[in-house]
C-alpha cells in the first residue's frame, strides 16, 4: 500500500467513524445487541485507523 492508498484508507475510516458517531447520537436508546454491534464496529475502525497511521509513518 502506498501513501496515497493509506491516506485514502484513513479518510474512509474517519468518515465511517463519523457516521457511526452520528448514528449513536441520533439513537435515544439502543438495545444491548445494537450497543455491542456498535462497539465492535468502533473497535474495527480503531484498528484500521491505527494501521493506516502506521503505514503513513505517523
PDB file of N, CA and C in Angstrom:
ATOM      1  N   UNK A   1       0.858  -1.175   0.000  1.00  0.00           N
ATOM      2  CA  UNK A   1       0.000   0.000   0.000  1.00  0.00           C
ATOM      3  C   UNK A   1       0.900   1.234   0.000  1.00  0.00           C
ATOM      4  N   UNK A   2       0.651   2.150  -0.923  1.00  0.00           N
ATOM      5  CA  UNK A   2       1.452   3.367  -0.968  1.00  0.00           C
ATOM      6  C   UNK A   2       0.811   4.464  -0.118  1.00  0.00           C
ATOM      7  N   UNK A   3       1.466   5.613  -0.034  1.00  0.00           N
ATOM      8  CA  UNK A   3       0.974   6.709   0.812  1.00  0.00           C
ATOM      9  C   UNK A   3      -0.417   7.185   0.411  1.00  0.00           C
ATOM     10  N   UNK A   4      -0.663   7.282  -0.881  1.00  0.00           N
ATOM     11  CA  UNK A   4      -1.975   7.748  -1.350  1.00  0.00           C
ATOM     12  C   UNK A   4      -3.066   6.770  -0.921  1.00  0.00           C
ATOM     13  N   UNK A   5      -2.805   5.491  -1.097  1.00  0.00           N
ATOM     14  CA  UNK A   5      -3.782   4.467  -0.696  1.00  0.00           C
ATOM     15  C   UNK A   5      -4.004   4.488   0.813  1.00  0.00           C
ATOM     16  N   UNK A   6      -2.924   4.660   1.565  1.00  0.00           N
ATOM     17  CA  UNK A   6      -3.037   4.695   3.024  1.00  0.00           C
ATOM     18  C   UNK A   6      -3.835   5.912   3.474  1.00  0.00           C
ATOM     19  N   UNK A   7      -3.578   7.057   2.857  1.00  0.00           N
ATOM     20  CA  UNK A   7      -4.330   8.268   3.208  1.00  0.00           C
ATOM     21  C   UNK A   7      -5.813   8.108   2.863  1.00  0.00           C
ATOM     22  N   UNK A   8      -6.092   7.521   1.716  1.00  0.00           N
ATOM     23  CA  UNK A   8      -7.490   7.286   1.333  1.00  0.00           C
ATOM     24  C   UNK A   8      -8.163   6.330   2.309  1.00  0.00           C
ATOM     25  N   UNK A   9      -7.430   5.318   2.735  1.00  0.00           N
ATOM     26  CA  UNK A   9      -7.978   4.366   3.707  1.00  0.00           C
ATOM     27  C   UNK A   9      -8.278   5.072   5.027  1.00  0.00           C
ATOM     28  N   UNK A  10      -7.366   5.929   5.459  1.00  0.00           N
ATOM     29  CA  UNK A  10      -7.576   6.659   6.708  1.00  0.00           C
ATOM     30  C   UNK A  10      -8.762   7.608   6.591  1.00  0.00           C
ATOM     31  N   UNK A  11      -8.905   8.279   5.466  1.00  0.00           N
ATOM     32  CA  UNK A  11     -10.051   9.167   5.252  1.00  0.00           C
ATOM     33  C   UNK A  11     -11.357   8.376   5.285  1.00  0.00           C
ATOM     34  N   UNK A  12     -11.357   7.194   4.698  1.00  0.00           N
ATOM     35  CA  UNK A  12     -12.545   6.333   4.716  1.00  0.00           C
ATOM     36  C   UNK A  12     -12.891   5.943   6.148  1.00  0.00           C
ATOM     37  N   UNK A  13     -11.871   5.604   6.934  1.00  0.00           N
ATOM     38  CA  UNK A  13     -12.099   5.246   8.339  1.00  0.00           C
ATOM     39  C   UNK A  13     -12.697   6.424   9.098  1.00  0.00           C
ATOM     40  N   UNK A  14     -12.148   7.598   8.896  1.00  0.00           N
ATOM     41  CA  UNK A  14     -12.652   8.786   9.596  1.00  0.00           C
ATOM     42  C   UNK A  14     -14.106   9.054   9.214  1.00  0.00           C
ATOM     43  N   UNK A  15     -14.427   8.951   7.940  1.00  0.00           N
ATOM     44  CA  UNK A  15     -15.807   9.161   7.504  1.00  0.00           C
ATOM     45  C   UNK A  15     -16.744   8.133   8.125  1.00  0.00           C
ATOM     46  N   UNK A  16     -16.316   6.870   8.133  1.00  0.00           N
ATOM     47  CA  UNK A  16     -17.138   5.814   8.723  1.00  0.00           C
ATOM     48  C   UNK A  16     -17.308   6.044  10.223  1.00  0.00           C
ATOM     49  N   UNK A  17     -16.227   6.433  10.895  1.00  0.00           N
ATOM     50  CA  UNK A  17     -16.291   6.717  12.329  1.00  0.00           C
ATOM     51  C   UNK A  17     -17.297   7.836  12.590  1.00  0.00           C
ATOM     52  N   UNK A  18     -17.266   8.874  11.796  1.00  0.00           N
ATOM     53  CA  UNK A  18     -18.203   9.983  11.961  1.00  0.00           C
ATOM     54  C   UNK A  18     -19.641   9.546  11.724  1.00  0.00           C
ATOM     55  N   UNK A  19     -19.862   8.677  10.750  1.00  0.00           N
ATOM     56  CA  UNK A  19     -21.226   8.170  10.508  1.00  0.00           C
ATOM     57  C   UNK A  19     -21.726   7.379  11.707  1.00  0.00           C
ATOM     58  N   UNK A  20     -20.870   6.514  12.265  1.00  0.00           N
ATOM     59  CA  UNK A  20     -21.270   5.748  13.451  1.00  0.00           C
ATOM     60  C   UNK A  20     -21.532   6.678  14.628  1.00  0.00           C
ATOM     61  N   UNK A  21     -20.674   7.659  14.795  1.00  0.00           N
ATOM     62  CA  UNK A  21     -20.829   8.607  15.897  1.00  0.00           C
ATOM     63  C   UNK A  21     -22.150   9.361  15.760  1.00  0.00           C
ATOM     64  N   UNK A  22     -22.484   9.789  14.565  1.00  0.00           N
ATOM     65  CA  UNK A  22     -23.756  10.476  14.326  1.00  0.00           C
ATOM     66  C   UNK A  22     -24.935   9.548  14.571  1.00  0.00           C
ATOM     67  N   UNK A  23     -24.808   8.300  14.165  1.00  0.00           N
ATOM     68  CA  UNK A  23     -25.891   7.340  14.356  1.00  0.00           C
ATOM     69  C   UNK A  23     -26.142   7.104  15.842  1.00  0.00           C
ATOM     70  N   UNK A  24     -25.071   7.008  16.613  1.00  0.00           N
ATOM     71  CA  UNK A  24     -25.218   6.803  18.055  1.00  0.00           C
ATOM     72  C   UNK A  24     -25.889   8.020  18.677  1.00  0.00           C
ATOM     73  N   UNK A  25     -25.494   9.204  18.246  1.00  0.00           N
ATOM     74  CA  UNK A  25     -26.070  10.430  18.784  1.00  0.00           C
ATOM     75  C   UNK A  25     -27.555  10.549  18.495  1.00  0.00           C
ATOM     76  N   UNK A  26     -27.993   9.961  17.390  1.00  0.00           N
ATOM     77  CA  UNK A  26     -29.399  10.035  16.999  1.00  0.00           C
ATOM     78  C   UNK A  26     -30.254   9.007  17.724  1.00  0.00           C
ATOM     79  N   UNK A  27     -29.631   7.979  18.271  1.00  0.00           N
ATOM     80  CA  UNK A  27     -30.381   6.926  18.955  1.00  0.00           C
ATOM     81  C   UNK A  27     -30.562   7.296  20.420  1.00  0.00           C
ATOM     82  N   UNK A  28     -31.817   7.411  20.822  1.00  0.00           N
ATOM     83  CA  UNK A  28     -32.088   7.706  22.221  1.00  0.00           C
ATOM     84  C   UNK A  28     -31.667   6.553  23.103  1.00  0.00           C
ATOM     85  N   UNK A  29     -32.030   5.360  22.723  1.00  0.00           N
ATOM     86  CA  UNK A  29     -31.619   4.177  23.487  1.00  0.00           C
ATOM     87  C   UNK A  29     -31.449   3.021  22.514  1.00  0.00           C
ATOM     88  N   UNK A  30     -30.382   2.300  22.701  1.00  0.00           N
ATOM     89  CA  UNK A  30     -30.105   1.160  21.834  1.00  0.00           C
ATOM     90  C   UNK A  30     -30.225  -0.116  22.657  1.00  0.00           C
ATOM     91  N   UNK A  31     -30.607  -1.170  22.012  1.00  0.00           N
ATOM     92  CA  UNK A  31     -30.650  -2.464  22.695  1.00  0.00           C
ATOM     93  C   UNK A  31     -29.222  -2.908  22.969  1.00  0.00           C
ATOM     94  N   UNK A  32     -29.071  -3.875  23.844  1.00  0.00           N
ATOM     95  CA  UNK A  32     -27.738  -4.402  24.154  1.00  0.00           C
ATOM     96  C   UNK A  32     -27.090  -4.959  22.889  1.00  0.00           C
ATOM     97  N   UNK A  33     -27.872  -5.631  22.055  1.00  0.00           N
ATOM     98  CA  UNK A  33     -27.330  -6.185  20.811  1.00  0.00           C
ATOM     99  C   UNK A  33     -26.815  -5.067  19.900  1.00  0.00           C
ATOM    100  N   UNK A  34     -27.600  -3.996  19.766  1.00  0.00           N
ATOM    101  CA  UNK A  34     -27.173  -2.864  18.941  1.00  0.00           C
ATOM    102  C   UNK A  34     -25.935  -2.204  19.538  1.00  0.00           C
ATOM    103  N   UNK A  35     -25.903  -2.085  20.853  1.00  0.00           N
ATOM    104  CA  UNK A  35     -24.748  -1.470  21.512  1.00  0.00           C
ATOM    105  C   UNK A  35     -23.483  -2.293  21.270  1.00  0.00           C
ATOM    106  N   UNK A  36     -23.600  -3.620  21.333  1.00  0.00           N
ATOM    107  CA  UNK A  36     -22.441  -4.477  21.087  1.00  0.00           C
ATOM    108  C   UNK A  36     -21.992  -4.388  19.629  1.00  0.00           C
ATOM    109  N   UNK A  37     -22.942  -4.327  18.723  1.00  0.00           N
ATOM    110  CA  UNK A  37     -22.610  -4.210  17.304  1.00  0.00           C
ATOM    111  C   UNK A  37     -21.852  -2.907  17.046  1.00  0.00           C
ATOM    112  N   UNK A  38     -22.315  -1.832  17.651  1.00  0.00           N
ATOM    113  CA  UNK A  38     -21.649  -0.535  17.501  1.00  0.00           C
ATOM    114  C   UNK A  38     -20.255  -0.593  18.115  1.00  0.00           C
ATOM    115  N   UNK A  39     -20.132  -1.221  19.292  1.00  0.00           N
ATOM    116  CA  UNK A  39     -18.828  -1.329  19.946  1.00  0.00           C
ATOM    117  C   UNK A  39     -17.836  -2.104  19.075  1.00  0.00           C
ATOM    118  N   UNK A  40     -18.280  -3.212  18.476  1.00  0.00           N
ATOM    119  CA  UNK A  40     -17.398  -3.982  17.592  1.00  0.00           C
ATOM    120  C   UNK A  40     -17.011  -3.154  16.376  1.00  0.00           C
ATOM    121  N   UNK A  41     -17.941  -2.359  15.865  1.00  0.00           N
ATOM    122  CA  UNK A  41     -17.650  -1.511  14.709  1.00  0.00           C
ATOM    123  C   UNK A  41     -16.597  -0.467  15.071  1.00  0.00           C
ATOM    124  N   UNK A  42     -16.736   0.131  16.262  1.00  0.00           N
ATOM    125  CA  UNK A  42     -15.739   1.100  16.716  1.00  0.00           C
ATOM    126  C   UNK A  42     -14.363   0.442  16.819  1.00  0.00           C
ATOM    127  N   UNK A  43     -14.322  -0.770  17.367  1.00  0.00           N
ATOM    128  CA  UNK A  43     -13.057  -1.480  17.524  1.00  0.00           C
ATOM    129  C   UNK A  43     -12.417  -1.723  16.151  1.00  0.00           C
ATOM    130  N   UNK A  44     -13.208  -2.155  15.185  1.00  0.00           N
ATOM    131  CA  UNK A  44     -12.689  -2.397  13.836  1.00  0.00           C
ATOM    132  C   UNK A  44     -12.182  -1.104  13.208  1.00  0.00           C
ATOM    133  N   UNK A  45     -12.917  -0.023  13.393  1.00  0.00           N
ATOM    134  CA  UNK A  45     -12.492   1.265  12.851  1.00  0.00           C
ATOM    135  C   UNK A  45     -11.203   1.743  13.513  1.00  0.00           C
ATOM    136  N   UNK A  46     -11.117   1.559  14.824  1.00  0.00           N
ATOM    137  CA  UNK A  46      -9.925   1.978  15.555  1.00  0.00           C
ATOM    138  C   UNK A  46      -8.697   1.228  15.056  1.00  0.00           C
ATOM    139  N   UNK A  47      -8.824  -0.098  14.893  1.00  0.00           N
ATOM    140  CA  UNK A  47      -7.696  -0.898  14.402  1.00  0.00           C
ATOM    141  C   UNK A  47      -7.301  -0.473  12.990  1.00  0.00           C
ATOM    142  N   UNK A  48      -8.283  -0.202  12.150  1.00  0.00           N
ATOM    143  CA  UNK A  48      -7.988   0.227  10.781  1.00  0.00           C
ATOM    144  C   UNK A  48      -7.287   1.582  10.775  1.00  0.00           C
ATOM    145  N   UNK A  49      -7.718   2.477  11.644  1.00  0.00           N
ATOM    146  CA  UNK A  49      -7.090   3.802  11.728  1.00  0.00           C
ATOM    147  C   UNK A  49      -5.643   3.680  12.194  1.00  0.00           C
ATOM    148  N   UNK A  50      -5.397   2.867  13.209  1.00  0.00           N
ATOM    149  CA  UNK A  50      -4.020   2.687  13.709  1.00  0.00           C
ATOM    150  C   UNK A  50      -3.139   2.092  12.609  1.00  0.00           C
ATOM    151  N   UNK A  51      -3.672   1.136  11.851  1.00  0.00           N
ATOM    152  CA  UNK A  51      -2.889   0.519  10.777  1.00  0.00           C
ATOM    153  C   UNK A  51      -2.557   1.550   9.705  1.00  0.00           C
ATOM    154  N   UNK A  52      -3.532   2.358   9.339  1.00  0.00           N
ATOM    155  CA  UNK A  52      -3.286   3.382   8.321  1.00  0.00           C
ATOM    156  C   UNK A  52      -2.243   4.386   8.812  1.00  0.00           C
ATOM    157  N   UNK A  53      -2.321   4.773  10.078  1.00  0.00           N
ATOM    158  CA  UNK A  53      -1.326   5.703  10.626  1.00  0.00           C
ATOM    159  C   UNK A  53       0.071   5.090  10.596  1.00  0.00           C
ATOM    160  N   UNK A  54       0.179   3.809  10.954  1.00  0.00           N
ATOM    161  CA  UNK A  54       1.483   3.146  10.915  1.00  0.00           C
ATOM    162  C   UNK A  54       2.029   3.122   9.486  1.00  0.00           C
ATOM    163  N   UNK A  55       1.144   2.848   8.531  1.00  0.00           N
ATOM    164  CA  UNK A  55       1.584   2.810   7.138  1.00  0.00           C
ATOM    165  C   UNK A  55       2.053   4.179   6.658  1.00  0.00           C
ATOM    166  N   UNK A  56       1.475   5.223   7.235  1.00  0.00           N
ATOM    167  CA  UNK A  56       1.876   6.581   6.864  1.00  0.00           C
ATOM    168  C   UNK A  56       3.086   7.056   7.670  1.00  0.00           C
ATOM    169  N   UNK A  57       3.490   6.271   8.661  1.00  0.00           N
ATOM    170  CA  UNK A  57       4.639   6.635   9.473  1.00  0.00           C
ATOM    171  C   UNK A  57       4.355   7.724  10.477  1.00  0.00           C
ATOM    172  N   UNK A  58       3.088   7.821  10.908  1.00  0.00           N
ATOM    173  CA  UNK A  58       2.736   8.872  11.878  1.00  0.00           C
ATOM    174  C   UNK A  58       2.844   8.363  13.287  1.00  0.00           C
TER     175      UNK A  58
END
